[in-house]
């Protein structure tokens, strides 16, 4: 049963869609469809005062000090990333491996505001500098279509947690992923998180404020 609230390597995700960064983000991060400035829960509540917040996530925010924690990649994501390397969970220091986790958003409304929060660390090899975190949806063809990306998530801020808001483009793509067209199947609303391949992740959180309700209002 999918969990509602817990919320690229070329050989791993063949022909994976990779977006180009629109601007340099905080601490030199290269961000795609994410704002370069930090975000807070208060920002989301202010932007969407009449909408509740939903939280999805995995791992514990323990700065990598705890035991490894399981991740639960979707069948499509797991099939794509387990081809050539081990698939790892949270707080796992294992170079040359792939991290994947997935969250079933189970919603048919547009997205008013969204924040991604995470912390990563280098896995002890010099190849962490070209890693990327992709957030999107993996189809049955093994292609991850990204909603947003963080290129070089370790950069100069390894180990520190980050909270970044989706920009207008990212919100539009995330809205389409939630099944707002009303004809999508539940499995189409799964959000995949993929992190290559010499980087370990402490935890991941997604905060979403949905609205309006497409089914009731007939529009988004």
N, C-alpha and C. Protein backbone atom coordinates (compact mmCIF):
# COMPACT_ATOMS: atom_id res chain seq x y z
N UNK A 1 0.85 -1.19 0.00
CA UNK A 1 0.00 0.00 0.00
C UNK A 1 0.89 1.24 0.00
N UNK A 2 0.65 2.20 -0.89
CA UNK A 2 1.47 3.40 -0.92
C UNK A 2 1.29 4.21 0.34
N UNK A 3 2.37 4.84 0.79
CA UNK A 3 2.30 5.67 1.97
C UNK A 3 1.87 7.07 1.57
N UNK A 4 0.83 7.59 2.21
CA UNK A 4 0.34 8.93 1.86
C UNK A 4 1.21 10.00 2.51
N UNK A 5 1.44 9.90 3.79
CA UNK A 5 2.28 10.86 4.48
C UNK A 5 3.48 10.13 5.06
N UNK A 6 4.65 10.25 4.48
CA UNK A 6 5.94 9.87 5.05
C UNK A 6 6.79 11.04 4.79
N UNK A 7 6.03 10.47 4.44
CA UNK A 7 5.41 11.42 3.80
C UNK A 7 4.32 10.92 3.67
N UNK A 8 21.91 11.32 -12.17
CA UNK A 8 21.26 10.57 -13.20
C UNK A 8 22.38 10.04 -14.13
N UNK A 9 22.20 8.99 -13.22
CA UNK A 9 23.25 8.36 -14.03
C UNK A 9 22.65 7.92 -15.35
N UNK A 10 23.36 8.13 -16.50
CA UNK A 10 22.78 7.83 -17.81
C UNK A 10 22.38 6.37 -17.92
N UNK A 11 23.15 5.48 -17.33
CA UNK A 11 22.80 4.07 -17.42
C UNK A 11 21.66 3.70 -16.51
N UNK A 12 21.44 4.51 -15.48
CA UNK A 12 20.37 4.19 -14.54
C UNK A 12 19.02 4.68 -15.03
N UNK A 13 18.97 5.88 -15.56
CA UNK A 13 17.73 6.44 -16.06
C UNK A 13 17.95 6.79 -17.52
N UNK A 14 17.81 5.80 -18.36
CA UNK A 14 18.09 6.00 -19.77
C UNK A 14 17.22 7.10 -20.33
N UNK A 15 17.87 8.02 -21.04
CA UNK A 15 17.18 9.14 -21.68
C UNK A 15 16.42 10.00 -20.68
N UNK A 16 16.91 10.05 -19.45
CA UNK A 16 16.24 10.86 -18.43
C UNK A 16 16.23 12.32 -18.84
N UNK A 17 15.08 12.95 -18.66
CA UNK A 17 14.99 14.37 -19.00
C UNK A 17 15.75 15.17 -17.97
N UNK A 18 16.66 16.01 -18.42
CA UNK A 18 17.44 16.86 -17.54
C UNK A 18 17.20 18.30 -17.92
N UNK A 19 16.71 19.10 -16.99
CA UNK A 19 16.44 20.49 -17.23
C UNK A 19 17.70 21.31 -17.01
N UNK A 20 17.75 22.47 -17.61
CA UNK A 20 18.89 23.35 -17.43
C UNK A 20 18.62 24.30 -16.28
N UNK A 21 19.63 24.57 -15.45
CA UNK A 21 19.41 25.48 -14.32
C UNK A 21 19.11 26.89 -14.81
N UNK A 22 18.10 27.50 -14.19
CA UNK A 22 17.72 28.85 -14.59
C UNK A 22 18.53 29.91 -13.88
N UNK A 23 19.08 29.56 -12.71
CA UNK A 23 19.87 30.53 -11.96
C UNK A 23 20.67 29.81 -10.91
N UNK A 24 21.72 30.47 -10.44
CA UNK A 24 22.49 29.93 -9.32
C UNK A 24 21.70 30.15 -8.05
N UNK A 25 21.66 29.12 -7.21
CA UNK A 25 20.86 29.22 -6.00
C UNK A 25 21.70 29.55 -4.79
N UNK A 26 21.11 29.37 -3.64
CA UNK A 26 21.77 29.68 -2.38
C UNK A 26 23.02 28.85 -2.22
N UNK A 27 24.07 29.48 -1.68
CA UNK A 27 25.34 28.80 -1.40
C UNK A 27 25.94 28.19 -2.65
N UNK A 28 25.63 28.75 -3.83
CA UNK A 28 26.20 28.27 -5.06
C UNK A 28 25.50 27.08 -5.67
N UNK A 29 24.43 26.61 -5.06
CA UNK A 29 23.70 25.49 -5.62
C UNK A 29 23.12 25.88 -6.97
N UNK A 30 23.08 24.95 -7.88
CA UNK A 30 22.42 25.16 -9.16
C UNK A 30 21.02 24.58 -9.06
N UNK A 31 20.03 25.43 -9.12
CA UNK A 31 18.65 25.03 -8.88
C UNK A 31 17.83 25.11 -10.16
N UNK A 32 16.93 24.15 -10.33
CA UNK A 32 16.03 24.12 -11.47
C UNK A 32 14.60 24.14 -10.94
N UNK A 33 13.85 25.16 -11.28
CA UNK A 33 12.46 25.32 -10.87
C UNK A 33 12.29 25.45 -9.35
N UNK A 34 13.35 25.88 -8.69
CA UNK A 34 13.32 26.16 -7.26
C UNK A 34 13.86 27.56 -7.03
N UNK A 35 13.33 28.28 -6.05
CA UNK A 35 13.78 29.63 -5.79
C UNK A 35 15.15 29.63 -5.14
N UNK A 36 16.00 30.59 -5.46
CA UNK A 36 17.35 30.61 -4.86
C UNK A 36 17.35 31.00 -3.40
N UNK A 37 16.26 31.62 -2.92
CA UNK A 37 16.19 32.02 -1.53
C UNK A 37 15.54 30.93 -0.70
N UNK A 38 15.86 30.90 0.58
CA UNK A 38 15.26 29.93 1.47
C UNK A 38 13.78 30.18 1.65
N UNK A 39 13.07 29.18 2.16
CA UNK A 39 11.63 29.27 2.36
C UNK A 39 11.28 28.74 3.75
N UNK A 40 10.11 29.13 4.25
CA UNK A 40 9.67 28.68 5.56
C UNK A 40 8.22 28.23 5.48
N UNK A 41 7.78 27.49 6.50
CA UNK A 41 6.38 27.08 6.58
C UNK A 41 5.48 28.31 6.63
N UNK A 42 5.94 29.36 7.29
CA UNK A 42 5.15 30.59 7.37
C UNK A 42 4.92 31.19 5.99
N UNK A 43 5.91 31.06 5.11
CA UNK A 43 5.74 31.56 3.74
C UNK A 43 4.58 30.85 3.04
N UNK A 44 4.50 29.53 3.21
CA UNK A 44 3.43 28.78 2.58
C UNK A 44 2.07 29.12 3.16
N UNK A 45 2.02 29.25 4.49
CA UNK A 45 0.75 29.61 5.12
C UNK A 45 0.28 30.99 4.68
N UNK A 46 1.22 31.90 4.49
CA UNK A 46 0.87 33.25 4.06
C UNK A 46 0.41 33.26 2.61
N UNK A 47 1.07 32.46 1.76
CA UNK A 47 0.70 32.43 0.35
C UNK A 47 -0.63 31.73 0.12
N UNK A 48 -0.99 30.78 0.99
CA UNK A 48 -2.21 29.98 0.81
C UNK A 48 -2.97 29.95 2.13
N UNK A 49 -3.54 31.07 2.56
CA UNK A 49 -4.12 31.15 3.90
C UNK A 49 -5.32 30.24 4.13
N UNK A 50 -6.00 29.82 3.08
CA UNK A 50 -7.20 29.00 3.24
C UNK A 50 -6.96 27.53 2.95
N UNK A 51 -5.69 27.13 2.80
CA UNK A 51 -5.38 25.77 2.41
C UNK A 51 -4.56 25.06 3.48
N UNK A 52 -4.87 23.80 3.78
CA UNK A 52 -4.05 23.05 4.74
C UNK A 52 -2.73 22.64 4.12
N UNK A 53 -1.76 22.33 4.95
CA UNK A 53 -0.46 21.87 4.48
C UNK A 53 -0.38 20.35 4.62
N UNK A 54 0.13 19.70 3.59
CA UNK A 54 0.39 18.26 3.62
C UNK A 54 1.90 18.05 3.61
N UNK A 55 2.33 17.06 4.39
CA UNK A 55 3.76 16.77 4.49
C UNK A 55 4.04 15.34 4.05
N UNK A 56 5.05 15.18 3.21
CA UNK A 56 5.51 13.88 2.76
C UNK A 56 7.01 13.81 3.07
N UNK A 57 7.51 12.67 3.49
CA UNK A 57 8.92 12.63 3.78
C UNK A 57 9.44 11.26 4.17
N UNK A 58 10.74 11.16 4.21
CA UNK A 58 11.42 9.95 4.62
C UNK A 58 12.73 10.29 5.30
N UNK A 59 13.24 9.37 6.11
CA UNK A 59 14.48 9.59 6.84
C UNK A 59 14.27 10.46 8.07
N UNK A 60 15.28 10.49 8.92
CA UNK A 60 15.24 11.30 10.14
C UNK A 60 16.28 12.40 10.04
N UNK A 61 15.91 13.56 10.53
CA UNK A 61 16.85 14.67 10.54
C UNK A 61 17.77 14.53 11.74
N UNK A 62 18.81 13.73 11.57
CA UNK A 62 19.74 13.47 12.66
C UNK A 62 21.18 13.75 12.25
N UNK A 63 21.35 14.51 11.17
CA UNK A 63 22.68 14.91 10.71
C UNK A 63 23.56 13.72 10.37
N UNK A 64 22.93 12.63 9.93
CA UNK A 64 23.68 11.46 9.52
C UNK A 64 24.23 10.63 10.66
N UNK A 65 23.82 10.95 11.90
CA UNK A 65 24.39 10.25 13.05
C UNK A 65 23.69 8.95 13.35
N UNK A 66 22.46 8.78 12.87
CA UNK A 66 21.70 7.58 13.20
C UNK A 66 21.99 6.43 12.26
N UNK A 67 21.33 5.32 12.53
CA UNK A 67 21.47 4.14 11.67
C UNK A 67 20.78 4.40 10.33
N UNK A 68 21.19 3.72 9.29
CA UNK A 68 20.53 3.88 7.99
C UNK A 68 19.04 3.60 8.08
N UNK A 69 18.26 4.34 7.31
CA UNK A 69 16.81 4.19 7.30
C UNK A 69 16.35 3.83 5.89
N UNK A 70 15.33 3.02 5.83
CA UNK A 70 14.85 2.52 4.53
C UNK A 70 14.20 3.62 3.73
N UNK A 71 14.31 3.48 2.43
CA UNK A 71 13.55 4.28 1.49
C UNK A 71 12.68 3.33 0.68
N UNK A 72 11.65 3.85 0.05
CA UNK A 72 10.68 3.01 -0.65
C UNK A 72 10.44 3.54 -2.06
N UNK A 73 11.41 3.33 -2.97
CA UNK A 73 11.21 3.80 -4.34
C UNK A 73 10.06 3.09 -5.02
N UNK A 74 9.38 3.80 -5.88
CA UNK A 74 8.27 3.22 -6.64
C UNK A 74 8.80 2.11 -7.54
N UNK A 75 7.94 1.21 -7.98
CA UNK A 75 8.41 0.13 -8.87
C UNK A 75 9.11 0.65 -10.12
N UNK A 76 8.58 1.70 -10.71
CA UNK A 76 9.20 2.24 -11.93
C UNK A 76 10.59 2.81 -11.64
N UNK A 77 10.71 3.56 -10.53
CA UNK A 77 12.00 4.14 -10.19
C UNK A 77 12.99 3.04 -9.81
N UNK A 78 12.56 2.08 -9.02
CA UNK A 78 13.46 1.01 -8.60
C UNK A 78 13.98 0.23 -9.80
N UNK A 79 13.11 -0.07 -10.74
CA UNK A 79 13.53 -0.82 -11.93
C UNK A 79 14.58 -0.04 -12.71
N UNK A 80 14.43 1.29 -12.73
CA UNK A 80 15.36 2.11 -13.51
C UNK A 80 16.72 2.24 -12.86
N UNK A 81 16.78 2.36 -11.53
CA UNK A 81 18.05 2.67 -10.88
C UNK A 81 18.78 1.45 -10.35
N UNK A 82 18.15 0.29 -10.40
CA UNK A 82 18.81 -0.92 -9.87
C UNK A 82 19.52 -1.70 -10.96
N UNK A 83 19.62 -1.14 -12.14
CA UNK A 83 20.20 -1.87 -13.27
C UNK A 83 21.69 -2.11 -13.07
N UNK A 84 22.42 -1.07 -12.63
CA UNK A 84 23.88 -1.18 -12.64
C UNK A 84 24.55 -0.98 -11.29
N UNK A 85 23.79 -0.52 -10.26
CA UNK A 85 24.41 -0.21 -8.98
C UNK A 85 23.45 -0.51 -7.84
N UNK A 86 23.99 -0.65 -6.62
CA UNK A 86 23.10 -0.89 -5.48
C UNK A 86 22.18 0.30 -5.24
N UNK A 87 21.00 0.03 -4.72
CA UNK A 87 20.05 1.06 -4.34
C UNK A 87 20.08 1.19 -2.83
N UNK A 88 20.30 2.38 -2.34
CA UNK A 88 20.50 2.61 -0.90
C UNK A 88 19.36 3.44 -0.32
N UNK A 89 19.32 3.48 1.04
CA UNK A 89 18.34 4.29 1.74
C UNK A 89 18.99 5.53 2.33
N UNK A 90 18.34 6.10 3.33
CA UNK A 90 18.84 7.31 4.00
C UNK A 90 20.03 6.98 4.90
N UNK A 91 20.89 7.97 5.08
CA UNK A 91 22.04 7.85 5.98
C UNK A 91 22.94 6.68 5.62
N UNK A 92 23.09 6.41 4.34
CA UNK A 92 23.92 5.29 3.89
C UNK A 92 25.11 5.83 3.13
N UNK A 93 26.31 5.60 3.67
CA UNK A 93 27.54 6.04 3.02
C UNK A 93 28.05 4.91 2.14
N UNK A 94 27.70 4.95 0.89
CA UNK A 94 28.11 3.91 -0.05
C UNK A 94 28.31 4.52 -1.42
N UNK A 95 29.54 4.88 -1.76
CA UNK A 95 29.79 5.46 -3.08
C UNK A 95 29.36 4.53 -4.21
N UNK A 96 29.16 5.11 -5.36
CA UNK A 96 28.78 4.35 -6.56
C UNK A 96 27.47 3.59 -6.34
N UNK A 97 26.51 4.26 -5.76
CA UNK A 97 25.19 3.66 -5.53
C UNK A 97 24.13 4.70 -5.89
N UNK A 98 22.88 4.26 -5.90
CA UNK A 98 21.77 5.15 -6.24
C UNK A 98 20.80 5.23 -5.07
N UNK A 99 20.34 6.44 -4.76
CA UNK A 99 19.28 6.63 -3.77
C UNK A 99 17.98 6.94 -4.50
N UNK A 100 16.89 6.31 -4.03
CA UNK A 100 15.57 6.62 -4.56
C UNK A 100 14.51 6.46 -3.49
N UNK A 101 13.55 7.36 -3.47
CA UNK A 101 12.39 7.24 -2.60
C UNK A 101 11.21 7.84 -3.34
N UNK A 102 10.00 7.44 -2.95
CA UNK A 102 8.80 7.86 -3.68
C UNK A 102 7.66 8.15 -2.71
N UNK A 103 6.79 9.05 -3.12
CA UNK A 103 5.67 9.49 -2.29
C UNK A 103 4.43 9.60 -3.16
N UNK A 104 3.35 8.97 -2.71
CA UNK A 104 2.09 9.03 -3.46
C UNK A 104 1.33 10.27 -3.01
N UNK A 105 1.26 11.27 -3.87
CA UNK A 105 0.62 12.54 -3.51
C UNK A 105 -0.89 12.40 -3.38
N UNK A 106 -1.51 11.48 -4.12
CA UNK A 106 -2.92 11.16 -3.98
C UNK A 106 -3.80 12.40 -3.90
N UNK A 107 -3.69 13.26 -4.89
CA UNK A 107 -4.48 14.48 -4.87
C UNK A 107 -4.83 14.88 -6.29
N UNK A 108 -5.98 15.54 -6.47
CA UNK A 108 -6.37 15.97 -7.80
C UNK A 108 -6.55 17.49 -7.88
N UNK A 109 -5.86 18.20 -6.97
CA UNK A 109 -5.93 19.66 -7.00
C UNK A 109 -4.63 20.26 -7.49
N UNK A 110 -4.69 21.51 -7.90
CA UNK A 110 -3.47 22.21 -8.25
C UNK A 110 -2.68 22.50 -6.98
N UNK A 111 -1.45 22.95 -7.15
CA UNK A 111 -0.58 23.24 -6.02
C UNK A 111 -0.45 24.75 -5.89
N UNK A 112 -0.78 25.24 -4.69
CA UNK A 112 -0.67 26.67 -4.41
C UNK A 112 0.75 27.06 -4.04
N UNK A 113 1.41 26.22 -3.23
CA UNK A 113 2.76 26.52 -2.76
C UNK A 113 3.40 25.20 -2.36
N UNK A 114 4.72 25.09 -2.51
CA UNK A 114 5.41 23.85 -2.15
C UNK A 114 6.85 24.16 -1.77
N UNK A 115 7.34 23.41 -0.80
CA UNK A 115 8.71 23.55 -0.31
C UNK A 115 9.36 22.18 -0.27
N UNK A 116 10.61 22.10 -0.67
CA UNK A 116 11.40 20.88 -0.52
C UNK A 116 12.47 21.15 0.53
N UNK A 117 12.65 20.19 1.44
CA UNK A 117 13.64 20.30 2.50
C UNK A 117 14.48 19.03 2.52
N UNK A 118 15.79 19.17 2.67
CA UNK A 118 16.66 17.99 2.67
C UNK A 118 18.03 18.37 3.21
N UNK A 119 18.83 17.35 3.49
CA UNK A 119 20.24 17.54 3.84
C UNK A 119 21.03 16.41 3.21
N UNK A 120 22.15 16.74 2.59
CA UNK A 120 23.01 15.75 1.94
C UNK A 120 24.44 15.91 2.44
N UNK A 121 25.22 14.84 2.24
CA UNK A 121 26.63 14.85 2.56
C UNK A 121 27.40 14.07 1.50
N UNK A 122 28.66 14.40 1.37
CA UNK A 122 29.51 13.68 0.44
C UNK A 122 29.78 12.28 0.97
N UNK A 123 29.95 11.35 0.03
CA UNK A 123 30.16 9.96 0.44
C UNK A 123 31.62 9.56 0.45
N UNK A 124 32.52 10.51 0.40
CA UNK A 124 33.93 10.20 0.59
C UNK A 124 34.71 9.97 -0.69
N UNK A 125 34.14 10.21 -1.85
CA UNK A 125 34.88 10.10 -3.10
C UNK A 125 34.91 11.46 -3.77
N UNK A 126 35.86 11.68 -4.66
CA UNK A 126 35.96 13.01 -5.29
C UNK A 126 34.92 13.25 -6.38
N UNK A 127 34.04 12.30 -6.63
CA UNK A 127 33.09 12.45 -7.73
C UNK A 127 31.74 12.99 -7.30
N UNK A 128 31.60 13.45 -6.05
CA UNK A 128 30.34 14.00 -5.59
C UNK A 128 29.98 15.29 -6.31
N UNK A 129 30.98 15.97 -6.87
CA UNK A 129 30.74 17.31 -7.40
C UNK A 129 29.83 17.33 -8.61
N UNK A 130 29.66 16.20 -9.29
CA UNK A 130 28.79 16.19 -10.47
C UNK A 130 27.48 15.46 -10.22
N UNK A 131 27.12 15.27 -8.96
CA UNK A 131 25.86 14.60 -8.63
C UNK A 131 24.68 15.55 -8.79
N UNK A 132 23.49 14.98 -8.84
CA UNK A 132 22.27 15.78 -8.95
C UNK A 132 21.14 15.07 -8.23
N UNK A 133 20.22 15.86 -7.70
CA UNK A 133 18.98 15.35 -7.14
C UNK A 133 17.85 15.74 -8.08
N UNK A 134 17.08 14.75 -8.50
CA UNK A 134 15.95 14.99 -9.40
C UNK A 134 14.66 14.63 -8.70
N UNK A 135 13.67 15.50 -8.79
CA UNK A 135 12.37 15.32 -8.17
C UNK A 135 11.34 15.33 -9.29
N UNK A 136 10.63 14.21 -9.48
CA UNK A 136 9.69 14.15 -10.59
C UNK A 136 8.92 12.85 -10.60
N UNK A 137 8.66 12.35 -11.79
CA UNK A 137 7.86 11.12 -11.93
C UNK A 137 8.52 10.22 -12.97
N UNK A 138 8.68 8.95 -12.59
CA UNK A 138 9.28 7.96 -13.49
C UNK A 138 8.19 7.13 -14.12
N UNK A 139 8.18 7.09 -15.46
CA UNK A 139 7.19 6.31 -16.18
C UNK A 139 7.61 4.86 -16.33
N UNK A 140 6.76 4.09 -16.94
CA UNK A 140 7.08 2.68 -17.16
C UNK A 140 8.25 2.49 -18.11
N UNK A 141 8.60 3.54 -18.86
CA UNK A 141 9.75 3.48 -19.76
C UNK A 141 11.07 3.74 -19.05
N UNK A 142 11.03 4.00 -17.72
CA UNK A 142 12.25 4.23 -16.98
C UNK A 142 12.79 5.64 -17.09
N UNK A 143 12.03 6.54 -17.68
CA UNK A 143 12.46 7.93 -17.83
C UNK A 143 11.86 8.76 -16.70
N UNK A 144 12.72 9.43 -15.95
CA UNK A 144 12.26 10.33 -14.90
C UNK A 144 12.06 11.71 -15.51
N UNK A 145 10.81 12.17 -15.48
CA UNK A 145 10.49 13.51 -15.96
C UNK A 145 10.56 14.45 -14.76
N UNK A 146 11.56 15.31 -14.68
CA UNK A 146 11.75 16.11 -13.47
C UNK A 146 10.77 17.27 -13.36
N UNK A 147 10.34 17.51 -12.14
CA UNK A 147 9.59 18.70 -11.78
C UNK A 147 10.57 19.78 -11.32
N UNK A 148 11.61 19.37 -10.59
CA UNK A 148 12.65 20.28 -10.11
C UNK A 148 13.92 19.48 -9.91
N UNK A 149 15.06 20.18 -9.88
CA UNK A 149 16.34 19.53 -9.69
C UNK A 149 17.27 20.41 -8.86
N UNK A 150 18.17 19.74 -8.14
CA UNK A 150 19.26 20.41 -7.44
C UNK A 150 20.54 19.80 -7.97
N UNK A 151 21.33 20.60 -8.67
CA UNK A 151 22.58 20.14 -9.24
C UNK A 151 23.71 20.45 -8.26
N UNK A 152 24.57 19.47 -8.03
CA UNK A 152 25.65 19.60 -7.06
C UNK A 152 25.10 19.96 -5.68
N UNK A 153 24.27 19.10 -5.07
CA UNK A 153 23.65 19.44 -3.79
C UNK A 153 24.64 19.55 -2.64
N UNK A 154 25.86 19.01 -2.78
CA UNK A 154 26.85 19.09 -1.70
C UNK A 154 27.58 20.42 -1.70
N UNK A 155 28.05 20.82 -2.83
CA UNK A 155 28.67 22.11 -3.05
C UNK A 155 29.41 22.60 -1.81
N UNK A 156 29.15 23.80 -1.33
CA UNK A 156 29.84 24.31 -0.15
C UNK A 156 29.03 24.18 1.11
N UNK A 157 27.90 23.50 1.04
CA UNK A 157 27.00 23.45 2.19
C UNK A 157 26.69 22.02 2.59
N UNK A 158 27.67 21.14 2.44
CA UNK A 158 27.46 19.73 2.75
C UNK A 158 27.07 19.54 4.21
N UNK A 159 25.99 18.79 4.43
CA UNK A 159 25.53 18.48 5.77
C UNK A 159 24.52 19.43 6.33
N UNK A 160 24.38 20.61 5.75
CA UNK A 160 23.42 21.58 6.26
C UNK A 160 22.07 21.40 5.57
N UNK A 161 21.00 21.53 6.32
CA UNK A 161 19.68 21.33 5.73
C UNK A 161 19.29 22.55 4.92
N UNK A 162 18.49 22.33 3.91
CA UNK A 162 18.05 23.37 2.99
C UNK A 162 16.54 23.32 2.85
N UNK A 163 15.90 24.46 2.79
CA UNK A 163 14.47 24.57 2.52
C UNK A 163 14.30 25.52 1.35
N UNK A 164 13.79 25.01 0.23
CA UNK A 164 13.68 25.78 -1.00
C UNK A 164 12.26 25.68 -1.54
N UNK A 165 11.73 26.80 -1.98
CA UNK A 165 10.37 26.83 -2.53
C UNK A 165 10.40 26.57 -4.03
N UNK A 166 9.35 25.94 -4.55
CA UNK A 166 9.18 25.78 -5.98
C UNK A 166 8.83 27.13 -6.60
N UNK A 167 9.41 27.43 -7.76
CA UNK A 167 9.02 28.66 -8.45
C UNK A 167 7.77 28.41 -9.28
N UNK A 168 7.36 29.40 -10.06
CA UNK A 168 6.11 29.31 -10.81
C UNK A 168 6.11 28.12 -11.76
N UNK A 169 7.23 27.90 -12.44
CA UNK A 169 7.32 26.76 -13.36
C UNK A 169 7.23 25.45 -12.60
N UNK A 170 7.95 25.35 -11.49
CA UNK A 170 7.90 24.14 -10.70
C UNK A 170 6.52 23.85 -10.15
N UNK A 171 5.81 24.89 -9.71
CA UNK A 171 4.45 24.71 -9.20
C UNK A 171 3.52 24.20 -10.28
N UNK A 172 3.69 24.72 -11.50
CA UNK A 172 2.86 24.25 -12.61
C UNK A 172 3.11 22.78 -12.92
N UNK A 173 4.37 22.36 -12.92
CA UNK A 173 4.70 20.97 -13.21
C UNK A 173 4.23 20.06 -12.07
N UNK A 174 4.37 20.53 -10.83
CA UNK A 174 3.92 19.73 -9.70
C UNK A 174 2.40 19.62 -9.70
N UNK A 175 1.71 20.68 -10.10
CA UNK A 175 0.25 20.64 -10.20
C UNK A 175 -0.19 19.58 -11.20
N UNK A 176 0.49 19.52 -12.33
CA UNK A 176 0.14 18.53 -13.35
C UNK A 176 0.37 17.12 -12.84
N UNK A 177 1.37 16.95 -11.98
CA UNK A 177 1.71 15.63 -11.46
C UNK A 177 0.69 15.12 -10.45
N UNK A 178 -0.02 16.02 -9.77
CA UNK A 178 -0.94 15.58 -8.72
C UNK A 178 -2.21 14.95 -9.27
N UNK A 179 -2.40 14.92 -10.58
CA UNK A 179 -3.59 14.30 -11.14
C UNK A 179 -4.74 15.25 -11.30
N UNK A 180 -4.44 16.54 -11.47
CA UNK A 180 -5.50 17.53 -11.51
C UNK A 180 -6.38 17.39 -12.74
N UNK A 181 -5.92 16.66 -13.76
CA UNK A 181 -6.75 16.50 -14.95
C UNK A 181 -7.93 15.57 -14.72
N UNK A 182 -7.97 14.90 -13.57
CA UNK A 182 -9.07 14.05 -13.13
C UNK A 182 -9.15 12.71 -13.84
N UNK A 183 -8.38 12.53 -14.89
CA UNK A 183 -8.42 11.26 -15.60
C UNK A 183 -7.17 10.43 -15.33
N UNK A 184 -6.36 10.86 -14.38
CA UNK A 184 -5.14 10.15 -14.07
C UNK A 184 -5.40 9.05 -13.06
N UNK A 185 -4.59 8.01 -13.11
CA UNK A 185 -4.67 6.92 -12.15
C UNK A 185 -3.86 7.28 -10.91
N UNK A 186 -4.14 6.63 -9.76
CA UNK A 186 -3.39 6.95 -8.55
C UNK A 186 -1.88 6.81 -8.72
N UNK A 187 -1.45 5.82 -9.48
CA UNK A 187 -0.02 5.62 -9.65
C UNK A 187 0.63 6.73 -10.47
N UNK A 188 -0.18 7.53 -11.18
CA UNK A 188 0.37 8.63 -11.94
C UNK A 188 0.76 9.80 -11.05
N UNK A 189 0.28 9.81 -9.81
CA UNK A 189 0.56 10.92 -8.90
C UNK A 189 1.72 10.62 -7.95
N UNK A 190 2.54 9.65 -8.28
CA UNK A 190 3.70 9.32 -7.45
C UNK A 190 4.85 10.27 -7.77
N UNK A 191 5.39 10.88 -6.72
CA UNK A 191 6.54 11.76 -6.86
C UNK A 191 7.79 10.98 -6.48
N UNK A 192 8.74 10.90 -7.40
CA UNK A 192 9.99 10.17 -7.19
C UNK A 192 11.11 11.14 -6.86
N UNK A 193 12.00 10.73 -5.98
CA UNK A 193 13.20 11.49 -5.64
C UNK A 193 14.39 10.59 -5.93
N UNK A 194 15.28 11.05 -6.79
CA UNK A 194 16.45 10.26 -7.18
C UNK A 194 17.71 11.08 -6.93
N UNK A 195 18.71 10.47 -6.30
CA UNK A 195 19.97 11.14 -6.00
C UNK A 195 21.12 10.25 -6.42
N UNK A 196 21.94 10.76 -7.31
CA UNK A 196 23.14 10.05 -7.72
C UNK A 196 24.34 10.61 -6.96
N UNK A 197 25.39 9.90 -6.97
CA UNK A 197 25.57 8.48 -6.85
C UNK A 197 26.75 8.28 -5.91
N UNK A 198 27.36 9.48 -5.58
CA UNK A 198 28.41 9.52 -4.55
C UNK A 198 28.01 10.51 -3.45
N UNK A 199 26.73 10.62 -3.24
CA UNK A 199 26.17 11.53 -2.24
C UNK A 199 25.19 10.76 -1.38
N UNK A 200 25.24 10.98 -0.08
CA UNK A 200 24.26 10.36 0.81
C UNK A 200 23.29 11.44 1.30
N UNK A 201 22.08 11.02 1.63
CA UNK A 201 21.04 11.94 2.04
C UNK A 201 20.59 11.59 3.46
N UNK A 202 20.45 12.61 4.28
CA UNK A 202 20.03 12.43 5.67
C UNK A 202 18.51 12.25 5.76
N UNK A 203 17.78 13.13 5.12
CA UNK A 203 16.32 13.06 5.14
C UNK A 203 15.77 13.89 3.97
N UNK A 204 14.48 13.72 3.70
CA UNK A 204 13.81 14.48 2.64
C UNK A 204 12.41 14.82 3.11
N UNK A 205 11.97 16.05 2.89
CA UNK A 205 10.61 16.46 3.19
C UNK A 205 10.03 17.26 2.02
N UNK A 206 8.75 17.08 1.79
CA UNK A 206 8.01 17.89 0.83
C UNK A 206 6.79 18.45 1.53
N UNK A 207 6.66 19.75 1.54
CA UNK A 207 5.50 20.42 2.12
C UNK A 207 4.67 21.00 0.99
N UNK A 208 3.38 20.67 0.95
CA UNK A 208 2.52 21.09 -0.16
C UNK A 208 1.24 21.72 0.37
N UNK A 209 0.90 22.87 -0.19
CA UNK A 209 -0.39 23.51 0.03
C UNK A 209 -1.18 23.38 -1.27
N UNK A 210 -2.23 22.58 -1.27
CA UNK A 210 -3.03 22.37 -2.48
C UNK A 210 -4.13 23.43 -2.58
N UNK A 211 -4.64 23.60 -3.79
CA UNK A 211 -5.79 24.47 -3.99
C UNK A 211 -5.66 25.22 -5.31
N UNK A 212 -6.80 25.51 -5.98
CA UNK A 212 -8.15 25.17 -5.54
C UNK A 212 -8.48 23.70 -5.81
N UNK A 213 -9.67 23.29 -5.35
CA UNK A 213 -10.11 21.92 -5.59
C UNK A 213 -10.69 21.83 -6.99
N UNK A 214 -9.99 21.14 -7.87
CA UNK A 214 -10.40 21.09 -9.27
C UNK A 214 -11.74 20.38 -9.46
N UNK A 215 -11.93 19.35 -8.69
CA UNK A 215 -13.15 18.56 -8.89
C UNK A 215 -14.41 19.38 -8.51
N UNK A 216 -14.30 20.19 -7.45
CA UNK A 216 -15.42 20.97 -7.02
C UNK A 216 -15.63 22.21 -7.88
N UNK A 217 -14.54 22.85 -8.23
CA UNK A 217 -14.66 24.11 -8.96
C UNK A 217 -14.57 23.95 -10.47
N UNK A 218 -14.15 22.75 -10.89
CA UNK A 218 -14.10 22.48 -12.31
C UNK A 218 -12.96 23.16 -13.02
N UNK A 219 -11.99 23.67 -12.29
CA UNK A 219 -10.85 24.32 -12.94
C UNK A 219 -9.67 24.30 -11.97
N UNK A 220 -8.50 24.62 -12.52
CA UNK A 220 -7.30 24.76 -11.70
C UNK A 220 -6.53 26.01 -12.16
